[in-house]
Amino acid sequence: MTDQSTDSPAEFEASLEALEALVARMESGELGLEQSLAEFQRGMELVGRCQKALDDAQARIEKLAGEPSSEAAATGSAPDTPTDPDDVPF
């Protein structure tokens, strides 16, 4: 799998649309086993591209908002987080 960056919203949208079309083809039941496997592999590549784009966007938002990154939260360097479910702000 090539590590192609999804640099623009248009590329993200194109990847998402391709993934949706691929899922529709697979759900139709008209593909053979080999075609289904090839489509599944392509779908996983598209999912990876979309997830990377979402992760990059989240990192940019956190940077702009001045919030700690998810890596900082994972290492315990984030500010106090509520442990009581009733303290969650949503």
C-alpha atoms as a PDB file:
ATOM      1  CA  MET A   1       0.000   0.000   0.000  1.00  0.00           C
ATOM      2  CA  THR A   2       1.364   3.401  -0.898  1.00  0.00           C
ATOM      3  CA  ASP A   3       1.369   6.122   1.732  1.00  0.00           C
ATOM      4  CA  GLN A   4      -0.432   8.829  -0.217  1.00  0.00           C
ATOM      5  CA  SER A   5      -1.388  11.899   1.755  1.00  0.00           C
ATOM      6  CA  THR A   6      -4.885  13.288   1.570  1.00  0.00           C
ATOM      7  CA  ASP A   7      -3.851  16.920   1.340  1.00  0.00           C
ATOM      8  CA  SER A   8      -7.160  18.536   0.541  1.00  0.00           C
ATOM      9  CA  PRO A   9     -10.799  18.204   1.463  1.00  0.00           C
ATOM     10  CA  ALA A  10     -11.502  17.398  -2.191  1.00  0.00           C
ATOM     11  CA  GLU A  11      -9.142  14.398  -2.040  1.00  0.00           C
ATOM     12  CA  PHE A  12     -10.765  13.238   1.199  1.00  0.00           C
ATOM     13  CA  GLU A  13     -14.219  13.545  -0.361  1.00  0.00           C
ATOM     14  CA  ALA A  14     -13.063  11.654  -3.455  1.00  0.00           C
ATOM     15  CA  SER A  15     -11.668   8.846  -1.295  1.00  0.00           C
ATOM     16  CA  LEU A  16     -14.874   8.692   0.718  1.00  0.00           C
ATOM     17  CA  GLU A  17     -17.036   8.596  -2.416  1.00  0.00           C
ATOM     18  CA  ALA A  18     -14.852   5.842  -3.901  1.00  0.00           C
ATOM     19  CA  LEU A  19     -15.207   3.878  -0.673  1.00  0.00           C
ATOM     20  CA  GLU A  20     -18.993   4.255  -0.714  1.00  0.00           C
ATOM     21  CA  ALA A  21     -19.151   3.066  -4.347  1.00  0.00           C
ATOM     22  CA  LEU A  22     -16.898   0.138  -3.541  1.00  0.00           C
ATOM     23  CA  VAL A  23     -19.111  -0.918  -0.636  1.00  0.00           C
ATOM     24  CA  ALA A  24     -22.177  -0.738  -2.884  1.00  0.00           C
ATOM     25  CA  ARG A  25     -20.482  -2.995  -5.460  1.00  0.00           C
ATOM     26  CA  MET A  26     -19.521  -5.501  -2.784  1.00  0.00           C
ATOM     27  CA  GLU A  27     -22.998  -5.471  -1.227  1.00  0.00           C
ATOM     28  CA  SER A  28     -24.582  -6.149  -4.611  1.00  0.00           C
ATOM     29  CA  GLY A  29     -23.287  -9.717  -4.466  1.00  0.00           C
ATOM     30  CA  GLU A  30     -22.317  -9.633  -8.140  1.00  0.00           C
ATOM     31  CA  LEU A  31     -18.546  -9.854  -7.601  1.00  0.00           C
ATOM     32  CA  GLY A  32     -16.617 -13.095  -7.592  1.00  0.00           C
ATOM     33  CA  LEU A  33     -14.293 -14.076  -4.772  1.00  0.00           C
ATOM     34  CA  GLU A  34     -11.128 -12.674  -6.361  1.00  0.00           C
ATOM     35  CA  GLN A  35     -12.867  -9.416  -7.297  1.00  0.00           C
ATOM     36  CA  SER A  36     -14.274  -9.141  -3.779  1.00  0.00           C
ATOM     37  CA  LEU A  37     -10.827  -9.643  -2.262  1.00  0.00           C
ATOM     38  CA  ALA A  38      -9.317  -7.014  -4.560  1.00  0.00           C
ATOM     39  CA  GLU A  39     -12.133  -4.592  -3.728  1.00  0.00           C
ATOM     40  CA  PHE A  40     -11.706  -5.282  -0.011  1.00  0.00           C
ATOM     41  CA  GLN A  41      -7.983  -4.519  -0.252  1.00  0.00           C
ATOM     42  CA  ARG A  42      -8.703  -1.274  -2.117  1.00  0.00           C
ATOM     43  CA  GLY A  43     -11.335  -0.416   0.481  1.00  0.00           C
ATOM     44  CA  MET A  44      -8.851  -0.855   3.306  1.00  0.00           C
ATOM     45  CA  GLU A  45      -6.447   1.487   1.522  1.00  0.00           C
ATOM     46  CA  LEU A  46      -9.205   4.071   1.168  1.00  0.00           C
ATOM     47  CA  VAL A  47     -10.180   3.702   4.835  1.00  0.00           C
ATOM     48  CA  GLY A  48      -6.547   4.288   5.795  1.00  0.00           C
ATOM     49  CA  ARG A  49      -6.359   7.436   3.663  1.00  0.00           C
ATOM     50  CA  CYS A  50      -9.599   8.780   5.117  1.00  0.00           C
ATOM     51  CA  GLN A  51      -8.522   8.004   8.693  1.00  0.00           C
ATOM     52  CA  LYS A  52      -5.164   9.710   8.175  1.00  0.00           C
ATOM     53  CA  ALA A  53      -6.911  12.795   6.814  1.00  0.00           C
ATOM     54  CA  LEU A  54      -9.245  12.857   9.818  1.00  0.00           C
ATOM     55  CA  ASP A  55      -6.341  12.394  12.247  1.00  0.00           C
ATOM     56  CA  ASP A  56      -4.418  15.215  10.542  1.00  0.00           C
ATOM     57  CA  ALA A  57      -7.457  17.487  10.711  1.00  0.00           C
ATOM     58  CA  GLN A  58      -7.957  16.690  14.396  1.00  0.00           C
ATOM     59  CA  ALA A  59      -4.312  17.497  15.141  1.00  0.00           C
ATOM     60  CA  ARG A  60      -4.658  20.822  13.321  1.00  0.00           C
ATOM     61  CA  ILE A  61      -7.814  21.668  15.267  1.00  0.00           C
ATOM     62  CA  GLU A  62      -6.173  20.790  18.580  1.00  0.00           C
ATOM     63  CA  LYS A  63      -3.163  22.919  17.668  1.00  0.00           C
ATOM     64  CA  LEU A  64      -5.361  25.876  16.738  1.00  0.00           C
ATOM     65  CA  ALA A  65      -7.499  25.481  19.846  1.00  0.00           C
ATOM     66  CA  GLY A  66      -4.444  25.114  22.077  1.00  0.00           C
ATOM     67  CA  GLU A  67      -5.604  21.734  23.351  1.00  0.00           C
ATOM     68  CA  PRO A  68      -3.163  18.943  24.154  1.00  0.00           C
ATOM     69  CA  SER A  69      -2.687  16.374  21.432  1.00  0.00           C
ATOM     70  CA  SER A  70      -4.008  12.848  21.830  1.00  0.00           C
ATOM     71  CA  GLU A  71      -0.397  11.678  22.290  1.00  0.00           C
ATOM     72  CA  ALA A  72      -0.018  13.970  25.298  1.00  0.00           C
ATOM     73  CA  ALA A  73      -3.251  12.629  26.725  1.00  0.00           C
ATOM     74  CA  ALA A  74      -2.065   9.067  26.206  1.00  0.00           C
ATOM     75  CA  THR A  75       1.189   9.728  28.072  1.00  0.00           C
ATOM     76  CA  GLY A  76      -0.605  11.276  31.005  1.00  0.00           C
ATOM     77  CA  SER A  77       0.645  14.810  30.426  1.00  0.00           C
ATOM     78  CA  ALA A  78      -2.837  16.115  29.740  1.00  0.00           C
ATOM     79  CA  PRO A  79      -4.617  18.306  32.286  1.00  0.00           C
ATOM     80  CA  ASP A  80      -6.896  16.701  34.845  1.00  0.00           C
ATOM     81  CA  THR A  81      -9.622  14.699  33.166  1.00  0.00           C
ATOM     82  CA  PRO A  82     -12.829  13.691  34.899  1.00  0.00           C
ATOM     83  CA  THR A  83     -12.997  10.062  35.947  1.00  0.00           C
ATOM     84  CA  ASP A  84     -16.582  10.229  37.157  1.00  0.00           C
ATOM     85  CA  PRO A  85     -18.992   9.691  34.219  1.00  0.00           C
ATOM     86  CA  ASP A  86     -21.287  12.351  35.697  1.00  0.00           C
ATOM     87  CA  ASP A  87     -18.489  14.921  35.269  1.00  0.00           C
ATOM     88  CA  VAL A  88     -18.336  14.456  31.489  1.00  0.00           C
ATOM     89  CA  PRO A  89     -19.454  17.714  29.816  1.00  0.00           C
ATOM     90  CA  PHE A  90     -21.901  16.131  27.352  1.00  0.00           C
END
